[in-house]
Amino acid sequence: WLGVLRPHEAGPLEFPSGRTRCVQGLNFFLV
């Protein structure tokens, strides 16, 4: 979980750089 965005909000979210080592590719899942 990276965070939650409120309606019509903008801003940065962060994650550890170690997560970028993903052969399948990074996906975002939005709920």
Full PDB file with SEQRES, HELIX, SHEET, SSBOND, CRYST1, ORIGX, SCALE, CONECT and MASTER records, all heavy atoms in Angstrom:
SEQRES   1 A   31  TRP LEU GLY VAL LEU ARG PRO HIS GLU ALA GLY PRO LEU          
SEQRES   2 A   31  GLU PHE PRO SER GLY ARG THR ARG CYS VAL GLN GLY LEU          
SEQRES   3 A   31  ASN PHE PHE LEU VAL                                          
HELIX    1 AA1 SER A   17  THR A   20  5                                   4    
CRYST1    1.000    1.000    1.000  90.00  90.00  90.00 P 1           1          
ORIGX1      1.000000  0.000000  0.000000        0.00000                         
ORIGX2      0.000000  1.000000  0.000000        0.00000                         
ORIGX3      0.000000  0.000000  1.000000        0.00000                         
SCALE1      1.000000  0.000000  0.000000        0.00000                         
SCALE2      0.000000  1.000000  0.000000        0.00000                         
SCALE3      0.000000  0.000000  1.000000        0.00000                         
ATOM      1  N   TRP A   1       0.847  -1.187   0.000  1.00  0.00           N  
ATOM      2  CA  TRP A   1       0.000   0.000   0.000  1.00  0.00           C  
ATOM      3  C   TRP A   1       0.882   1.236   0.000  1.00  0.00           C  
ATOM      4  O   TRP A   1       1.756   1.389   0.851  1.00  0.00           O  
ATOM      5  CB  TRP A   1      -0.909  -0.014   1.231  1.00  0.00           C  
ATOM      6  CG  TRP A   1      -1.884   1.112   1.291  1.00  0.00           C  
ATOM      7  CD1 TRP A   1      -3.023   1.246   0.558  1.00  0.00           C  
ATOM      8  CD2 TRP A   1      -1.838   2.241   2.156  1.00  0.00           C  
ATOM      9  NE1 TRP A   1      -3.678   2.392   0.908  1.00  0.00           N  
ATOM     10  CE2 TRP A   1      -2.966   3.029   1.891  1.00  0.00           C  
ATOM     11  CE3 TRP A   1      -0.936   2.675   3.126  1.00  0.00           C  
ATOM     12  CZ2 TRP A   1      -3.230   4.219   2.552  1.00  0.00           C  
ATOM     13  CZ3 TRP A   1      -1.191   3.859   3.786  1.00  0.00           C  
ATOM     14  CH2 TRP A   1      -2.331   4.612   3.495  1.00  0.00           C  
ATOM     15  N   LEU A   2       0.678   2.128  -0.988  1.00  0.00           N  
ATOM     16  CA  LEU A   2       1.471   3.350  -1.068  1.00  0.00           C  
ATOM     17  C   LEU A   2       0.763   4.532  -0.422  1.00  0.00           C  
ATOM     18  O   LEU A   2       1.415   5.459   0.050  1.00  0.00           O  
ATOM     19  CB  LEU A   2       1.791   3.691  -2.525  1.00  0.00           C  
ATOM     20  CG  LEU A   2       2.617   2.670  -3.294  1.00  0.00           C  
ATOM     21  CD1 LEU A   2       2.909   3.184  -4.694  1.00  0.00           C  
ATOM     22  CD2 LEU A   2       3.902   2.340  -2.559  1.00  0.00           C  
ATOM     23  N   GLY A   3      -0.560   4.506  -0.445  1.00  0.00           N  
ATOM     24  CA  GLY A   3      -1.300   5.617   0.141  1.00  0.00           C  
ATOM     25  C   GLY A   3      -2.679   5.735  -0.481  1.00  0.00           C  
ATOM     26  O   GLY A   3      -3.084   4.920  -1.299  1.00  0.00           O  
ATOM     27  N   VAL A   4      -3.376   6.781  -0.067  1.00  0.00           N  
ATOM     28  CA  VAL A   4      -4.717   7.043  -0.572  1.00  0.00           C  
ATOM     29  C   VAL A   4      -4.755   8.463  -1.119  1.00  0.00           C  
ATOM     30  O   VAL A   4      -4.135   9.371  -0.564  1.00  0.00           O  
ATOM     31  CB  VAL A   4      -5.790   6.829   0.526  1.00  0.00           C  
ATOM     32  CG1 VAL A   4      -5.607   7.794   1.679  1.00  0.00           C  
ATOM     33  CG2 VAL A   4      -7.189   6.935  -0.038  1.00  0.00           C  
ATOM     34  N   LEU A   5      -5.431   8.630  -2.247  1.00  0.00           N  
ATOM     35  CA  LEU A   5      -5.650   9.962  -2.798  1.00  0.00           C  
ATOM     36  C   LEU A   5      -7.114  10.321  -2.646  1.00  0.00           C  
ATOM     37  O   LEU A   5      -7.994   9.520  -2.988  1.00  0.00           O  
ATOM     38  CB  LEU A   5      -5.253  10.021  -4.274  1.00  0.00           C  
ATOM     39  CG  LEU A   5      -3.832  10.547  -4.477  1.00  0.00           C  
ATOM     40  CD1 LEU A   5      -2.837   9.502  -4.130  1.00  0.00           C  
ATOM     41  CD2 LEU A   5      -3.656  11.102  -5.832  1.00  0.00           C  
ATOM     42  N   ARG A   6      -7.370  11.479  -2.135  1.00  0.00           N  
ATOM     43  CA  ARG A   6      -8.737  12.000  -1.985  1.00  0.00           C  
ATOM     44  C   ARG A   6      -9.222  12.476  -3.347  1.00  0.00           C  
ATOM     45  O   ARG A   6      -8.442  12.634  -4.282  1.00  0.00           O  
ATOM     46  CB  ARG A   6      -8.756  13.143  -0.968  1.00  0.00           C  
ATOM     47  CG  ARG A   6      -8.141  12.809   0.371  1.00  0.00           C  
ATOM     48  CD  ARG A   6      -9.046  11.909   1.172  1.00  0.00           C  
ATOM     49  NE  ARG A   6      -8.373  11.534   2.425  1.00  0.00           N  
ATOM     50  CZ  ARG A   6      -8.343  10.327   2.902  1.00  0.00           C  
ATOM     51  NH1 ARG A   6      -8.937   9.346   2.269  1.00  0.00           N  
ATOM     52  NH2 ARG A   6      -7.728  10.048   4.025  1.00  0.00           N  
ATOM     53  N   PRO A   7     -10.515  12.729  -3.488  1.00  0.00           N  
ATOM     54  CA  PRO A   7     -11.033  13.190  -4.785  1.00  0.00           C  
ATOM     55  C   PRO A   7     -10.288  14.436  -5.297  1.00  0.00           C  
ATOM     56  O   PRO A   7     -10.060  15.377  -4.539  1.00  0.00           O  
ATOM     57  CB  PRO A   7     -12.493  13.521  -4.478  1.00  0.00           C  
ATOM     58  CG  PRO A   7     -12.837  12.650  -3.308  1.00  0.00           C  
ATOM     59  CD  PRO A   7     -11.573  12.571  -2.499  1.00  0.00           C  
ATOM     60  N   HIS A   8      -9.880  14.383  -6.537  1.00  0.00           N  
ATOM     61  CA  HIS A   8      -9.233  15.486  -7.258  1.00  0.00           C  
ATOM     62  C   HIS A   8      -7.952  15.974  -6.580  1.00  0.00           C  
ATOM     63  O   HIS A   8      -7.601  17.137  -6.673  1.00  0.00           O  
ATOM     64  CB  HIS A   8     -10.212  16.650  -7.458  1.00  0.00           C  
ATOM     65  CG  HIS A   8     -11.479  16.223  -8.110  1.00  0.00           C  
ATOM     66  ND1 HIS A   8     -11.545  15.880  -9.444  1.00  0.00           N  
ATOM     67  CD2 HIS A   8     -12.725  16.041  -7.607  1.00  0.00           C  
ATOM     68  CE1 HIS A   8     -12.779  15.520  -9.733  1.00  0.00           C  
ATOM     69  NE2 HIS A   8     -13.521  15.605  -8.641  1.00  0.00           N  
ATOM     70  N   GLU A   9      -7.242  15.077  -5.930  1.00  0.00           N  
ATOM     71  CA  GLU A   9      -6.001  15.408  -5.239  1.00  0.00           C  
ATOM     72  C   GLU A   9      -4.802  15.032  -6.110  1.00  0.00           C  
ATOM     73  O   GLU A   9      -4.891  14.161  -6.977  1.00  0.00           O  
ATOM     74  CB  GLU A   9      -5.944  14.637  -3.912  1.00  0.00           C  
ATOM     75  CG  GLU A   9      -4.755  14.967  -3.046  1.00  0.00           C  
ATOM     76  CD  GLU A   9      -4.774  14.192  -1.729  1.00  0.00           C  
ATOM     77  OE1 GLU A   9      -5.210  13.025  -1.719  1.00  0.00           O  
ATOM     78  OE2 GLU A   9      -4.336  14.753  -0.728  1.00  0.00           O  
ATOM     79  N   ALA A  10      -3.669  15.680  -5.881  1.00  0.00           N  
ATOM     80  CA  ALA A  10      -2.419  15.343  -6.572  1.00  0.00           C  
ATOM     81  C   ALA A  10      -1.290  15.394  -5.556  1.00  0.00           C  
ATOM     82  O   ALA A  10      -1.343  16.160  -4.590  1.00  0.00           O  
ATOM     83  CB  ALA A  10      -2.149  16.322  -7.701  1.00  0.00           C  
ATOM     84  N   GLY A  11      -0.286  14.564  -5.770  1.00  0.00           N  
ATOM     85  CA  GLY A  11       0.864  14.576  -4.884  1.00  0.00           C  
ATOM     86  C   GLY A  11       1.741  13.366  -5.100  1.00  0.00           C  
ATOM     87  O   GLY A  11       1.400  12.453  -5.848  1.00  0.00           O  
ATOM     88  N   PRO A  12       2.890  13.345  -4.435  1.00  0.00           N  
ATOM     89  CA  PRO A  12       3.823  12.230  -4.587  1.00  0.00           C  
ATOM     90  C   PRO A  12       3.526  11.098  -3.606  1.00  0.00           C  
ATOM     91  O   PRO A  12       3.062  11.319  -2.499  1.00  0.00           O  
ATOM     92  CB  PRO A  12       5.178  12.868  -4.270  1.00  0.00           C  
ATOM     93  CG  PRO A  12       4.845  13.936  -3.271  1.00  0.00           C  
ATOM     94  CD  PRO A  12       3.482  14.447  -3.658  1.00  0.00           C  
ATOM     95  N   LEU A  13       3.793   9.883  -4.047  1.00  0.00           N  
ATOM     96  CA  LEU A  13       3.813   8.697  -3.198  1.00  0.00           C  
ATOM     97  C   LEU A  13       5.193   8.078  -3.387  1.00  0.00           C  
ATOM     98  O   LEU A  13       5.798   8.225  -4.452  1.00  0.00           O  
ATOM     99  CB  LEU A  13       2.718   7.705  -3.596  1.00  0.00           C  
ATOM    100  CG  LEU A  13       1.273   8.194  -3.481  1.00  0.00           C  
ATOM    101  CD1 LEU A  13       0.317   7.135  -4.026  1.00  0.00           C  
ATOM    102  CD2 LEU A  13       0.936   8.510  -2.039  1.00  0.00           C  
ATOM    103  N   GLU A  14       5.691   7.388  -2.372  1.00  0.00           N  
ATOM    104  CA  GLU A  14       7.030   6.816  -2.461  1.00  0.00           C  
ATOM    105  C   GLU A  14       7.031   5.336  -2.125  1.00  0.00           C  
ATOM    106  O   GLU A  14       6.157   4.859  -1.399  1.00  0.00           O  
ATOM    107  CB  GLU A  14       7.982   7.542  -1.506  1.00  0.00           C  
ATOM    108  CG  GLU A  14       8.246   8.970  -1.876  1.00  0.00           C  
ATOM    109  CD  GLU A  14       9.247   9.621  -0.943  1.00  0.00           C  
ATOM    110  OE1 GLU A  14       9.443   9.130   0.183  1.00  0.00           O  
ATOM    111  OE2 GLU A  14       9.835  10.627  -1.358  1.00  0.00           O  
ATOM    112  N   PHE A  15       8.040   4.647  -2.662  1.00  0.00           N  
ATOM    113  CA  PHE A  15       8.266   3.251  -2.309  1.00  0.00           C  
ATOM    114  C   PHE A  15       9.764   2.976  -2.363  1.00  0.00           C  
ATOM    115  O   PHE A  15      10.514   3.709  -3.006  1.00  0.00           O  
ATOM    116  CB  PHE A  15       7.475   2.297  -3.219  1.00  0.00           C  
ATOM    117  CG  PHE A  15       7.841   2.357  -4.679  1.00  0.00           C  
ATOM    118  CD1 PHE A  15       8.819   1.529  -5.199  1.00  0.00           C  
ATOM    119  CD2 PHE A  15       7.174   3.220  -5.538  1.00  0.00           C  
ATOM    120  CE1 PHE A  15       9.145   1.565  -6.540  1.00  0.00           C  
ATOM    121  CE2 PHE A  15       7.492   3.265  -6.883  1.00  0.00           C  
ATOM    122  CZ  PHE A  15       8.483   2.437  -7.383  1.00  0.00           C  
ATOM    123  N   PRO A  16      10.225   1.938  -1.650  1.00  0.00           N  
ATOM    124  CA  PRO A  16      11.662   1.628  -1.629  1.00  0.00           C  
ATOM    125  C   PRO A  16      12.189   1.263  -3.016  1.00  0.00           C  
ATOM    126  O   PRO A  16      11.521   0.568  -3.785  1.00  0.00           O  
ATOM    127  CB  PRO A  16      11.768   0.425  -0.687  1.00  0.00           C  
ATOM    128  CG  PRO A  16      10.488   0.385   0.064  1.00  0.00           C  
ATOM    129  CD  PRO A  16       9.457   1.040  -0.794  1.00  0.00           C  
ATOM    130  N   SER A  17      13.374   1.730  -3.322  1.00  0.00           N  
ATOM    131  CA  SER A  17      13.942   1.484  -4.648  1.00  0.00           C  
ATOM    132  C   SER A  17      14.164  -0.002  -4.919  1.00  0.00           C  
ATOM    133  O   SER A  17      14.201  -0.424  -6.063  1.00  0.00           O  
ATOM    134  CB  SER A  17      15.248   2.251  -4.825  1.00  0.00           C  
ATOM    135  OG  SER A  17      16.196   1.816  -3.879  1.00  0.00           O  
ATOM    136  N   GLY A  18      14.287  -0.810  -3.866  1.00  0.00           N  
ATOM    137  CA  GLY A  18      14.448  -2.253  -4.055  1.00  0.00           C  
ATOM    138  C   GLY A  18      13.270  -2.884  -4.770  1.00  0.00           C  
ATOM    139  O   GLY A  18      13.401  -3.942  -5.391  1.00  0.00           O  
ATOM    140  N   ARG A  19      12.117  -2.253  -4.698  1.00  0.00           N  
ATOM    141  CA  ARG A  19      10.920  -2.786  -5.373  1.00  0.00           C  
ATOM    142  C   ARG A  19      11.001  -2.671  -6.889  1.00  0.00           C  
ATOM    143  O   ARG A  19      10.219  -3.299  -7.602  1.00  0.00           O  
ATOM    144  CB  ARG A  19       9.662  -2.053  -4.890  1.00  0.00           C  
ATOM    145  CG  ARG A  19       9.284  -2.230  -3.439  1.00  0.00           C  
ATOM    146  CD  ARG A  19       8.818  -3.644  -3.121  1.00  0.00           C  
ATOM    147  NE  ARG A  19       7.818  -4.152  -4.008  1.00  0.00           N  
ATOM    148  CZ  ARG A  19       6.545  -4.356  -3.715  1.00  0.00           C  
ATOM    149  NH1 ARG A  19       6.097  -4.067  -2.529  1.00  0.00           N  
ATOM    150  NH2 ARG A  19       5.703  -4.850  -4.585  1.00  0.00           N  
ATOM    151  N   THR A  20      11.920  -1.875  -7.407  1.00  0.00           N  
ATOM    152  CA  THR A  20      12.013  -1.706  -8.862  1.00  0.00           C  
ATOM    153  C   THR A  20      12.608  -2.926  -9.548  1.00  0.00           C  
ATOM    154  O   THR A  20      12.478  -3.064 -10.755  1.00  0.00           O  
ATOM    155  CB  THR A  20      12.870  -0.472  -9.218  1.00  0.00           C  
ATOM    156  OG1 THR A  20      14.187  -0.649  -8.708  1.00  0.00           O  
ATOM    157  CG2 THR A  20      12.248   0.789  -8.657  1.00  0.00           C  
ATOM    158  N   ARG A  21      13.229  -3.818  -8.776  1.00  0.00           N  
ATOM    159  CA  ARG A  21      13.820  -5.033  -9.358  1.00  0.00           C  
ATOM    160  C   ARG A  21      12.730  -6.085  -9.522  1.00  0.00           C  
ATOM    161  O   ARG A  21      12.613  -7.006  -8.735  1.00  0.00           O  
ATOM    162  CB  ARG A  21      14.938  -5.542  -8.469  1.00  0.00           C  
ATOM    163  CG  ARG A  21      16.125  -4.631  -8.479  1.00  0.00           C  
ATOM    164  CD  ARG A  21      17.257  -5.170  -7.639  1.00  0.00           C  
ATOM    165  NE  ARG A  21      17.713  -4.074  -6.793  1.00  0.00           N  
ATOM    166  CZ  ARG A  21      17.692  -4.076  -5.472  1.00  0.00           C  
ATOM    167  NH1 ARG A  21      17.280  -5.125  -4.807  1.00  0.00           N  
ATOM    168  NH2 ARG A  21      18.112  -3.036  -4.793  1.00  0.00           N  
ATOM    169  N   CYS A  22      11.935  -5.938 -10.547  1.00  0.00           N  
ATOM    170  CA  CYS A  22      10.800  -6.842 -10.777  1.00  0.00           C  
ATOM    171  C   CYS A  22      10.781  -7.227 -12.251  1.00  0.00           C  
ATOM    172  O   CYS A  22      10.504  -6.393 -13.114  1.00  0.00           O  
ATOM    173  CB  CYS A  22       9.501  -6.140 -10.377  1.00  0.00           C  
ATOM    174  SG  CYS A  22       8.039  -7.120 -10.725  1.00  0.00           S  
ATOM    175  N   VAL A  23      11.072  -8.469 -12.526  1.00  0.00           N  
ATOM    176  CA  VAL A  23      11.148  -8.951 -13.908  1.00  0.00           C  
ATOM    177  C   VAL A  23       9.800  -8.825 -14.616  1.00  0.00           C  
ATOM    178  O   VAL A  23       9.729  -8.454 -15.779  1.00  0.00           O  
ATOM    179  CB  VAL A  23      11.651 -10.418 -13.935  1.00  0.00           C  
ATOM    180  CG1 VAL A  23      11.596 -10.985 -15.338  1.00  0.00           C  
ATOM    181  CG2 VAL A  23      13.053 -10.500 -13.372  1.00  0.00           C  
ATOM    182  N   GLN A  24       8.711  -9.116 -13.902  1.00  0.00           N  
ATOM    183  CA  GLN A  24       7.369  -9.065 -14.510  1.00  0.00           C  
ATOM    184  C   GLN A  24       6.916  -7.635 -14.793  1.00  0.00           C  
ATOM    185  O   GLN A  24       5.985  -7.423 -15.548  1.00  0.00           O  
ATOM    186  CB  GLN A  24       6.323  -9.720 -13.598  1.00  0.00           C  
ATOM    187  CG  GLN A  24       6.563 -11.166 -13.315  1.00  0.00           C  
ATOM    188  CD  GLN A  24       7.339 -11.351 -12.013  1.00  0.00           C  
ATOM    189  OE1 GLN A  24       7.948 -10.442 -11.476  1.00  0.00           O  
ATOM    190  NE2 GLN A  24       7.318 -12.569 -11.513  1.00  0.00           N  
ATOM    191  N   GLY A  25       7.532  -6.659 -14.174  1.00  0.00           N  
ATOM    192  CA  GLY A  25       7.133  -5.264 -14.319  1.00  0.00           C  
ATOM    193  C   GLY A  25       6.282  -4.832 -13.137  1.00  0.00           C  
ATOM    194  O   GLY A  25       5.600  -5.647 -12.505  1.00  0.00           O  
ATOM    195  N   LEU A  26       6.343  -3.561 -12.835  1.00  0.00           N  
ATOM    196  CA  LEU A  26       5.571  -3.005 -11.727  1.00  0.00           C  
ATOM    197  C   LEU A  26       4.158  -2.691 -12.183  1.00  0.00           C  
ATOM    198  O   LEU A  26       3.950  -2.143 -13.262  1.00  0.00           O  
ATOM    199  CB  LEU A  26       6.229  -1.726 -11.206  1.00  0.00           C  
ATOM    200  CG  LEU A  26       7.616  -1.893 -10.610  1.00  0.00           C  
ATOM    201  CD1 LEU A  26       8.189  -0.533 -10.244  1.00  0.00           C  
ATOM    202  CD2 LEU A  26       7.562  -2.787  -9.388  1.00  0.00           C  
ATOM    203  N   ASN A  27       3.206  -3.042 -11.369  1.00  0.00           N  
ATOM    204  CA  ASN A  27       1.806  -2.721 -11.617  1.00  0.00           C  
ATOM    205  C   ASN A  27       1.271  -1.912 -10.454  1.00  0.00           C  
ATOM    206  O   ASN A  27       1.678  -2.100  -9.311  1.00  0.00           O  
ATOM    207  CB  ASN A  27       0.961  -3.996 -11.739  1.00  0.00           C  
ATOM    208  CG  ASN A  27       1.172  -4.692 -13.048  1.00  0.00           C  
ATOM    209  OD1 ASN A  27       0.936  -4.141 -14.102  1.00  0.00           O  
ATOM    210  ND2 ASN A  27       1.666  -5.916 -12.984  1.00  0.00           N  
ATOM    211  N   PHE A  28       0.354  -1.036 -10.759  1.00  0.00           N  
ATOM    212  CA  PHE A  28      -0.394  -0.347  -9.721  1.00  0.00           C  
ATOM    213  C   PHE A  28      -1.769  -0.982  -9.671  1.00  0.00           C  
ATOM    214  O   PHE A  28      -2.350  -1.328 -10.703  1.00  0.00           O  
ATOM    215  CB  PHE A  28      -0.516   1.146 -10.024  1.00  0.00           C  
ATOM    216  CG  PHE A  28       0.793   1.855  -9.944  1.00  0.00           C  
ATOM    217  CD1 PHE A  28       1.524   2.128 -11.081  1.00  0.00           C  
ATOM    218  CD2 PHE A  28       1.315   2.239  -8.719  1.00  0.00           C  
ATOM    219  CE1 PHE A  28       2.741   2.771 -11.019  1.00  0.00           C  
ATOM    220  CE2 PHE A  28       2.538   2.882  -8.638  1.00  0.00           C  
ATOM    221  CZ  PHE A  28       3.247   3.150  -9.795  1.00  0.00           C  
ATOM    222  N   PHE A  29      -2.273  -1.144  -8.464  1.00  0.00           N  
ATOM    223  CA  PHE A  29      -3.630  -1.636  -8.282  1.00  0.00           C  
ATOM    224  C   PHE A  29      -4.373  -0.537  -7.546  1.00  0.00           C  
ATOM    225  O   PHE A  29      -3.975  -0.115  -6.463  1.00  0.00           O  
ATOM    226  CB  PHE A  29      -3.654  -2.949  -7.496  1.00  0.00           C  
ATOM    227  CG  PHE A  29      -4.994  -3.609  -7.495  1.00  0.00           C  
ATOM    228  CD1 PHE A  29      -5.518  -4.153  -8.654  1.00  0.00           C  
ATOM    229  CD2 PHE A  29      -5.748  -3.666  -6.336  1.00  0.00           C  
ATOM    230  CE1 PHE A  29      -6.755  -4.761  -8.664  1.00  0.00           C  
ATOM    231  CE2 PHE A  29      -6.988  -4.269  -6.337  1.00  0.00           C  
ATOM    232  CZ  PHE A  29      -7.488  -4.828  -7.494  1.00  0.00           C  
ATOM    233  N   LEU A  30      -5.421  -0.031  -8.167  1.00  0.00           N  
ATOM    234  CA  LEU A  30      -6.195   1.086  -7.638  1.00  0.00           C  
ATOM    235  C   LEU A  30      -7.521   0.571  -7.114  1.00  0.00           C  
ATOM    236  O   LEU A  30      -8.230  -0.144  -7.821  1.00  0.00           O  
ATOM    237  CB  LEU A  30      -6.452   2.120  -8.738  1.00  0.00           C  
ATOM    238  CG  LEU A  30      -5.223   2.557  -9.539  1.00  0.00           C  
ATOM    239  CD1 LEU A  30      -5.639   3.482 -10.676  1.00  0.00           C  
ATOM    240  CD2 LEU A  30      -4.206   3.232  -8.636  1.00  0.00           C  
ATOM    241  N   VAL A  31      -7.866   0.945  -5.891  1.00  0.00           N  
ATOM    242  CA  VAL A  31      -9.132   0.525  -5.305  1.00  0.00           C  
ATOM    243  C   VAL A  31      -9.995   1.767  -5.081  1.00  0.00           C  
ATOM    244  O   VAL A  31      -9.660   2.629  -4.266  1.00  0.00           O  
ATOM    245  CB  VAL A  31      -8.926  -0.234  -3.978  1.00  0.00           C  
ATOM    246  CG1 VAL A  31     -10.277  -0.623  -3.377  1.00  0.00           C  
ATOM    247  CG2 VAL A  31      -8.061  -1.466  -4.202  1.00  0.00           C  
TER     248      VAL A  31                                                      
MASTER        0    0    0    1    0    0    0    6  247    1    0    3          
END                                                                             
